[in-house]
């Protein structure tokens, strides 16, 4: 069951968040102080948590309910990560920083979309298994 479509979606979600960590710019205020950087323990913890939950979810392919719960936790962590990005970017002033924020703000949203698609595929598999169990 590891070759299912939900595995592909979870892998893409982990890959997107991993790319976010690798390409995340350091946002600075007018004084040159780093406001948000990828070396921050909060950003490191949240991105690492999302990637770890996605990998654990992929490896638990026989336990669909656990996969579903792990994906939900990963979605919550993505929303927290997105909230941190929005809060920190709104605390910055100036229009020149808009281009520096870049696609990093959208990557948690893309990851959330992939995790929701994975949860729909898991639900579809679970419904299929339940319908076959009713026929026995």
N, C-alpha and C. Protein backbone atom coordinates (compact mmCIF):
# COMPACT_ATOMS: atom_id res chain seq x y z
N UNK A 1 0.82 -1.20 0.00
CA UNK A 1 0.00 0.00 0.00
C UNK A 1 0.86 1.27 0.00
N UNK A 2 2.18 1.12 0.00
CA UNK A 2 3.02 2.31 0.02
C UNK A 2 3.01 3.01 -1.34
N UNK A 3 2.53 2.35 -2.37
CA UNK A 3 2.51 2.95 -3.70
C UNK A 3 1.20 3.69 -3.98
N UNK A 4 0.41 3.95 -2.96
CA UNK A 4 -0.86 4.64 -3.12
C UNK A 4 -0.65 6.14 -3.38
N UNK A 5 -1.69 6.81 -3.85
CA UNK A 5 -1.60 8.22 -4.21
C UNK A 5 -1.39 9.10 -2.98
N UNK A 6 -1.92 8.67 -1.81
CA UNK A 6 -1.74 9.49 -0.62
C UNK A 6 -0.28 9.53 -0.19
N UNK A 7 0.47 8.49 -0.48
CA UNK A 7 1.90 8.49 -0.19
C UNK A 7 2.61 9.54 -1.03
N UNK A 8 2.22 9.65 -2.28
CA UNK A 8 2.79 10.65 -3.17
C UNK A 8 2.48 12.06 -2.66
N UNK A 9 1.22 12.29 -2.23
CA UNK A 9 0.84 13.59 -1.72
C UNK A 9 1.61 13.94 -0.44
N UNK A 10 1.76 12.97 0.46
CA UNK A 10 2.49 13.23 1.70
C UNK A 10 3.97 13.48 1.42
N UNK A 11 4.52 12.77 0.44
CA UNK A 11 5.92 13.00 0.06
C UNK A 11 6.10 14.40 -0.51
N UNK A 12 5.16 14.84 -1.34
CA UNK A 12 5.22 16.19 -1.89
C UNK A 12 5.10 17.25 -0.79
N UNK A 13 4.24 17.00 0.20
CA UNK A 13 4.11 17.95 1.30
C UNK A 13 5.41 18.06 2.09
N UNK A 14 6.04 16.92 2.36
CA UNK A 14 7.32 16.94 3.07
C UNK A 14 8.40 17.62 2.23
N UNK A 15 8.38 17.38 0.94
CA UNK A 15 9.36 18.00 0.05
C UNK A 15 9.18 19.51 -0.02
N UNK A 16 7.94 19.98 -0.05
CA UNK A 16 7.67 21.42 -0.10
C UNK A 16 8.16 22.10 1.17
N UNK A 17 7.89 21.51 2.33
CA UNK A 17 8.32 22.12 3.59
C UNK A 17 9.85 22.02 3.72
N UNK A 18 10.44 20.93 3.24
CA UNK A 18 11.90 20.84 3.23
C UNK A 18 12.51 21.90 2.35
N UNK A 19 11.89 22.17 1.21
CA UNK A 19 12.37 23.23 0.32
C UNK A 19 12.19 24.59 0.96
N UNK A 20 11.13 24.75 1.72
CA UNK A 20 10.92 26.01 2.44
C UNK A 20 12.08 26.26 3.39
N UNK A 21 12.50 25.24 4.09
CA UNK A 21 13.60 25.43 5.04
C UNK A 21 14.92 25.72 4.31
N UNK A 22 15.14 25.07 3.19
CA UNK A 22 16.40 25.27 2.47
C UNK A 22 16.48 26.66 1.83
N UNK A 23 15.37 27.16 1.31
CA UNK A 23 15.39 28.41 0.56
C UNK A 23 14.83 29.60 1.33
N UNK A 24 14.59 29.43 2.62
CA UNK A 24 13.96 30.50 3.38
C UNK A 24 14.92 31.67 3.56
N UNK A 25 14.49 32.88 3.18
CA UNK A 25 15.39 34.03 3.34
C UNK A 25 15.37 34.55 4.78
N UNK A 26 16.38 35.28 5.12
CA UNK A 26 16.43 35.95 6.41
C UNK A 26 15.82 37.33 6.25
N UNK A 27 14.74 37.57 6.96
CA UNK A 27 14.07 38.88 6.88
C UNK A 27 14.66 39.79 7.94
N UNK A 28 15.01 41.00 7.53
CA UNK A 28 15.64 41.96 8.42
C UNK A 28 14.80 43.23 8.48
N UNK A 29 14.87 43.91 9.63
CA UNK A 29 14.19 45.19 9.75
C UNK A 29 15.11 46.31 9.24
N UNK A 30 14.67 47.57 9.42
CA UNK A 30 15.46 48.70 8.90
C UNK A 30 16.84 48.80 9.53
N UNK A 31 16.96 48.38 10.78
CA UNK A 31 18.25 48.49 11.47
C UNK A 31 19.21 47.37 11.09
N UNK A 32 18.75 46.41 10.34
CA UNK A 32 19.60 45.29 9.92
C UNK A 32 19.55 44.11 10.85
N UNK A 33 18.66 44.14 11.84
CA UNK A 33 18.51 43.01 12.76
C UNK A 33 17.65 41.93 12.11
N UNK A 34 18.03 40.70 12.29
CA UNK A 34 17.27 39.59 11.72
C UNK A 34 15.96 39.43 12.49
N UNK A 35 14.85 39.58 11.79
CA UNK A 35 13.54 39.41 12.40
C UNK A 35 13.09 37.97 12.30
N UNK A 36 13.36 37.35 11.17
CA UNK A 36 12.95 35.98 10.95
C UNK A 36 14.00 35.30 10.10
N UNK A 37 14.60 34.24 10.64
CA UNK A 37 15.59 33.49 9.88
C UNK A 37 15.34 32.01 10.05
N UNK A 38 15.92 31.23 9.16
CA UNK A 38 15.69 29.79 9.23
C UNK A 38 16.44 29.15 10.38
N UNK A 39 17.37 29.87 10.99
CA UNK A 39 18.10 29.34 12.14
C UNK A 39 17.33 29.53 13.44
N UNK A 40 16.18 30.16 13.38
CA UNK A 40 15.34 30.36 14.55
C UNK A 40 14.84 28.99 15.03
N UNK A 41 14.88 28.76 16.35
CA UNK A 41 14.41 27.46 16.86
C UNK A 41 12.93 27.20 16.57
N UNK A 42 12.14 28.27 16.51
CA UNK A 42 10.71 28.10 16.21
C UNK A 42 10.50 27.61 14.78
N UNK A 43 11.17 28.23 13.83
CA UNK A 43 11.04 27.84 12.42
C UNK A 43 11.62 26.44 12.21
N UNK A 44 12.77 26.19 12.82
CA UNK A 44 13.41 24.87 12.70
C UNK A 44 12.52 23.78 13.28
N UNK A 45 11.94 24.04 14.44
CA UNK A 45 11.07 23.06 15.08
C UNK A 45 9.80 22.77 14.30
N UNK A 46 9.18 23.83 13.80
CA UNK A 46 7.93 23.65 13.06
C UNK A 46 8.16 22.95 11.72
N UNK A 47 9.19 23.36 10.98
CA UNK A 47 9.45 22.70 9.69
C UNK A 47 9.90 21.26 9.91
N UNK A 48 10.74 21.05 10.91
CA UNK A 48 11.18 19.68 11.21
C UNK A 48 10.02 18.80 11.66
N UNK A 49 9.11 19.39 12.45
CA UNK A 49 7.94 18.64 12.90
C UNK A 49 7.03 18.23 11.77
N UNK A 50 6.81 19.13 10.83
CA UNK A 50 5.96 18.83 9.68
C UNK A 50 6.58 17.72 8.83
N UNK A 51 7.88 17.85 8.56
CA UNK A 51 8.56 16.84 7.74
C UNK A 51 8.56 15.48 8.46
N UNK A 52 8.82 15.50 9.77
CA UNK A 52 8.83 14.25 10.54
C UNK A 52 7.46 13.59 10.56
N UNK A 53 6.41 14.39 10.75
CA UNK A 53 5.05 13.83 10.75
C UNK A 53 4.68 13.26 9.39
N UNK A 54 5.09 13.91 8.32
CA UNK A 54 4.81 13.40 6.98
C UNK A 54 5.52 12.07 6.74
N UNK A 55 6.78 11.98 7.16
CA UNK A 55 7.53 10.74 6.98
C UNK A 55 6.94 9.62 7.83
N UNK A 56 6.58 9.94 9.09
CA UNK A 56 5.94 8.92 9.93
C UNK A 56 4.62 8.46 9.34
N UNK A 57 3.89 9.38 8.77
CA UNK A 57 2.62 9.04 8.15
C UNK A 57 2.82 8.12 6.94
N UNK A 58 3.86 8.39 6.16
CA UNK A 58 4.16 7.54 5.01
C UNK A 58 4.52 6.13 5.47
N UNK A 59 5.30 6.04 6.54
CA UNK A 59 5.76 4.73 7.01
C UNK A 59 4.65 3.93 7.70
N UNK A 60 3.59 4.57 8.15
CA UNK A 60 2.45 3.88 8.77
C UNK A 60 1.36 3.62 7.75
N UNK A 61 1.73 3.08 6.59
CA UNK A 61 0.76 2.90 5.52
C UNK A 61 -0.26 1.82 5.82
N UNK A 62 0.01 0.93 6.76
CA UNK A 62 -0.96 -0.12 7.10
C UNK A 62 -2.02 0.37 8.08
N UNK A 63 -1.74 1.46 8.76
CA UNK A 63 -2.66 2.01 9.76
C UNK A 63 -3.25 3.32 9.21
N UNK A 64 -4.35 3.19 8.49
CA UNK A 64 -4.92 4.35 7.82
C UNK A 64 -5.45 5.40 8.79
N UNK A 65 -6.02 4.98 9.90
CA UNK A 65 -6.53 5.95 10.87
C UNK A 65 -5.40 6.77 11.50
N UNK A 66 -4.28 6.11 11.79
CA UNK A 66 -3.12 6.81 12.33
C UNK A 66 -2.54 7.78 11.29
N UNK A 67 -2.54 7.35 10.03
CA UNK A 67 -2.10 8.24 8.95
C UNK A 67 -2.96 9.50 8.91
N UNK A 68 -4.26 9.30 9.03
CA UNK A 68 -5.20 10.41 8.99
C UNK A 68 -4.93 11.39 10.13
N UNK A 69 -4.71 10.87 11.33
CA UNK A 69 -4.45 11.72 12.50
C UNK A 69 -3.11 12.44 12.36
N UNK A 70 -2.08 11.74 11.90
CA UNK A 70 -0.78 12.38 11.72
C UNK A 70 -0.84 13.48 10.67
N UNK A 71 -1.62 13.27 9.64
CA UNK A 71 -1.78 14.33 8.62
C UNK A 71 -2.52 15.53 9.20
N UNK A 72 -3.50 15.29 10.03
CA UNK A 72 -4.21 16.40 10.66
C UNK A 72 -3.27 17.21 11.56
N UNK A 73 -2.42 16.51 12.32
CA UNK A 73 -1.44 17.21 13.16
C UNK A 73 -0.46 18.01 12.31
N UNK A 74 -0.09 17.45 11.17
CA UNK A 74 0.81 18.14 10.26
C UNK A 74 0.15 19.39 9.68
N UNK A 75 -1.13 19.30 9.38
CA UNK A 75 -1.88 20.45 8.89
C UNK A 75 -1.92 21.55 9.96
N UNK A 76 -2.13 21.16 11.21
CA UNK A 76 -2.16 22.14 12.29
C UNK A 76 -0.79 22.82 12.43
N UNK A 77 0.29 22.03 12.36
CA UNK A 77 1.63 22.62 12.43
C UNK A 77 1.89 23.56 11.26
N UNK A 78 1.38 23.21 10.09
CA UNK A 78 1.52 24.10 8.93
C UNK A 78 0.78 25.42 9.15
N UNK A 79 -0.40 25.36 9.76
CA UNK A 79 -1.13 26.60 10.05
C UNK A 79 -0.39 27.44 11.07
N UNK A 80 0.22 26.80 12.07
CA UNK A 80 1.01 27.54 13.05
C UNK A 80 2.22 28.19 12.36
N UNK A 81 2.88 27.44 11.49
CA UNK A 81 4.02 27.98 10.74
C UNK A 81 3.60 29.16 9.88
N UNK A 82 2.47 29.04 9.22
CA UNK A 82 1.95 30.13 8.41
C UNK A 82 1.61 31.34 9.27
N UNK A 83 1.04 31.11 10.44
CA UNK A 83 0.74 32.20 11.36
C UNK A 83 2.00 32.92 11.83
N UNK A 84 3.05 32.17 12.10
CA UNK A 84 4.32 32.78 12.49
C UNK A 84 4.86 33.64 11.36
N UNK A 85 4.80 33.13 10.13
CA UNK A 85 5.28 33.90 8.98
C UNK A 85 4.49 35.19 8.81
N UNK A 86 3.18 35.10 8.91
CA UNK A 86 2.34 36.28 8.72
C UNK A 86 2.58 37.28 9.83
N UNK A 87 2.65 36.81 11.07
CA UNK A 87 2.87 37.72 12.19
C UNK A 87 4.21 38.44 12.07
N UNK A 88 5.24 37.69 11.76
CA UNK A 88 6.57 38.30 11.66
C UNK A 88 6.67 39.23 10.44
N UNK A 89 6.04 38.85 9.35
CA UNK A 89 6.14 39.71 8.16
C UNK A 89 5.31 40.98 8.31
N UNK A 90 4.22 40.91 9.07
CA UNK A 90 3.43 42.12 9.31
C UNK A 90 4.13 43.07 10.27
N UNK A 91 5.04 42.54 11.07
CA UNK A 91 5.78 43.42 11.98
C UNK A 91 6.88 44.18 11.25
N UNK A 92 7.21 43.77 10.02
CA UNK A 92 8.20 44.48 9.22
C UNK A 92 7.52 45.63 8.51
N UNK A 93 8.26 46.69 8.31
CA UNK A 93 7.70 47.82 7.59
C UNK A 93 8.46 48.03 6.30
N UNK A 94 7.86 48.76 5.40
CA UNK A 94 8.52 49.07 4.14
C UNK A 94 8.04 48.18 3.02
N UNK A 95 8.03 48.74 1.82
CA UNK A 95 7.58 48.00 0.66
C UNK A 95 8.70 47.21 0.00
N UNK A 96 9.93 47.51 0.33
CA UNK A 96 11.04 46.80 -0.30
C UNK A 96 11.14 45.37 0.20
N UNK A 97 10.55 45.09 1.36
CA UNK A 97 10.63 43.74 1.92
C UNK A 97 9.62 42.79 1.31
N UNK A 98 8.65 43.32 0.56
CA UNK A 98 7.63 42.46 -0.03
C UNK A 98 8.26 41.47 -0.99
N UNK A 99 9.21 41.91 -1.77
CA UNK A 99 9.85 41.00 -2.71
C UNK A 99 10.75 40.00 -1.99
N UNK A 100 11.26 40.35 -0.82
CA UNK A 100 12.12 39.43 -0.09
C UNK A 100 11.32 38.33 0.59
N UNK A 101 10.05 38.57 0.87
CA UNK A 101 9.23 37.55 1.52
C UNK A 101 9.01 36.39 0.57
N UNK A 102 8.80 36.69 -0.67
CA UNK A 102 8.77 35.69 -1.73
C UNK A 102 7.75 34.60 -1.57
N UNK A 103 8.08 33.46 -2.12
CA UNK A 103 7.17 32.32 -2.15
C UNK A 103 7.15 31.57 -0.82
N UNK A 104 8.04 31.91 0.07
CA UNK A 104 8.10 31.24 1.36
C UNK A 104 6.79 31.31 2.13
N UNK A 105 6.02 32.35 1.91
CA UNK A 105 4.73 32.49 2.58
C UNK A 105 3.69 31.53 2.00
N UNK A 106 3.87 31.14 0.75
CA UNK A 106 2.88 30.27 0.10
C UNK A 106 3.17 28.78 0.28
N UNK A 107 4.39 28.43 0.60
CA UNK A 107 4.74 27.01 0.68
C UNK A 107 3.99 26.25 1.77
N UNK A 108 3.73 26.82 2.96
CA UNK A 108 2.89 26.07 3.90
C UNK A 108 1.47 25.85 3.38
N UNK A 109 0.94 26.79 2.60
CA UNK A 109 -0.40 26.63 2.03
C UNK A 109 -0.40 25.49 1.01
N UNK A 110 0.64 25.41 0.20
CA UNK A 110 0.77 24.33 -0.78
C UNK A 110 0.88 22.99 -0.05
N UNK A 111 1.63 22.96 1.03
CA UNK A 111 1.76 21.74 1.82
C UNK A 111 0.42 21.33 2.43
N UNK A 112 -0.34 22.31 2.91
CA UNK A 112 -1.67 22.01 3.46
C UNK A 112 -2.57 21.41 2.40
N UNK A 113 -2.51 21.93 1.19
CA UNK A 113 -3.34 21.40 0.09
C UNK A 113 -2.96 19.94 -0.18
N UNK A 114 -1.68 19.64 -0.23
CA UNK A 114 -1.25 18.26 -0.47
C UNK A 114 -1.69 17.34 0.67
N UNK A 115 -1.63 17.81 1.91
CA UNK A 115 -2.05 16.98 3.03
C UNK A 115 -3.57 16.76 3.05
N UNK A 116 -4.33 17.76 2.63
CA UNK A 116 -5.78 17.58 2.54
C UNK A 116 -6.12 16.57 1.45
N UNK A 117 -5.41 16.64 0.32
CA UNK A 117 -5.62 15.66 -0.74
C UNK A 117 -5.25 14.25 -0.27
N UNK A 118 -4.19 14.14 0.52
CA UNK A 118 -3.80 12.84 1.07
C UNK A 118 -4.87 12.33 2.03
N UNK A 119 -5.43 13.20 2.85
CA UNK A 119 -6.48 12.76 3.76
C UNK A 119 -7.73 12.32 3.01
N UNK A 120 -8.05 12.98 1.92
CA UNK A 120 -9.20 12.53 1.12
C UNK A 120 -8.95 11.16 0.52
N UNK A 121 -7.73 10.91 0.06
CA UNK A 121 -7.40 9.60 -0.50
C UNK A 121 -7.42 8.52 0.58
N UNK A 122 -6.95 8.84 1.78
CA UNK A 122 -6.98 7.89 2.89
C UNK A 122 -8.43 7.58 3.25
N UNK A 123 -9.27 8.59 3.29
CA UNK A 123 -10.69 8.39 3.60
C UNK A 123 -11.36 7.52 2.54
N UNK A 124 -11.00 7.74 1.28
CA UNK A 124 -11.56 6.94 0.21
C UNK A 124 -11.13 5.47 0.35
N UNK A 125 -9.88 5.23 0.70
CA UNK A 125 -9.42 3.85 0.93
C UNK A 125 -10.12 3.21 2.12
N UNK A 126 -10.29 3.98 3.19
CA UNK A 126 -10.96 3.46 4.37
C UNK A 126 -12.41 3.11 4.07
N UNK A 127 -13.09 3.94 3.30
CA UNK A 127 -14.47 3.65 2.90
C UNK A 127 -14.54 2.41 2.03
N UNK A 128 -13.57 2.23 1.16
CA UNK A 128 -13.53 1.04 0.30
C UNK A 128 -13.34 -0.22 1.12
N UNK A 129 -12.46 -0.18 2.10
CA UNK A 129 -12.23 -1.34 2.95
C UNK A 129 -13.46 -1.66 3.78
N UNK A 130 -14.14 -0.63 4.30
CA UNK A 130 -15.36 -0.86 5.07
C UNK A 130 -16.47 -1.44 4.20
N UNK A 131 -16.58 -1.02 2.96
CA UNK A 131 -17.63 -1.55 2.09
C UNK A 131 -17.35 -3.01 1.74
N UNK A 132 -16.10 -3.38 1.60
CA UNK A 132 -15.76 -4.77 1.31
C UNK A 132 -16.00 -5.63 2.55
N UNK A 133 -15.75 -5.08 3.75
CA UNK A 133 -16.02 -5.82 4.98
C UNK A 133 -17.50 -6.08 5.18
N UNK A 134 -18.34 -5.19 4.70
CA UNK A 134 -19.80 -5.39 4.83
C UNK A 134 -20.27 -6.55 3.95
N UNK A 135 -19.59 -6.79 2.85
CA UNK A 135 -20.01 -7.85 1.94
C UNK A 135 -19.64 -9.24 2.44
N UNK A 136 -18.71 -9.33 3.35
CA UNK A 136 -18.29 -10.65 3.84
C UNK A 136 -19.30 -11.29 4.72
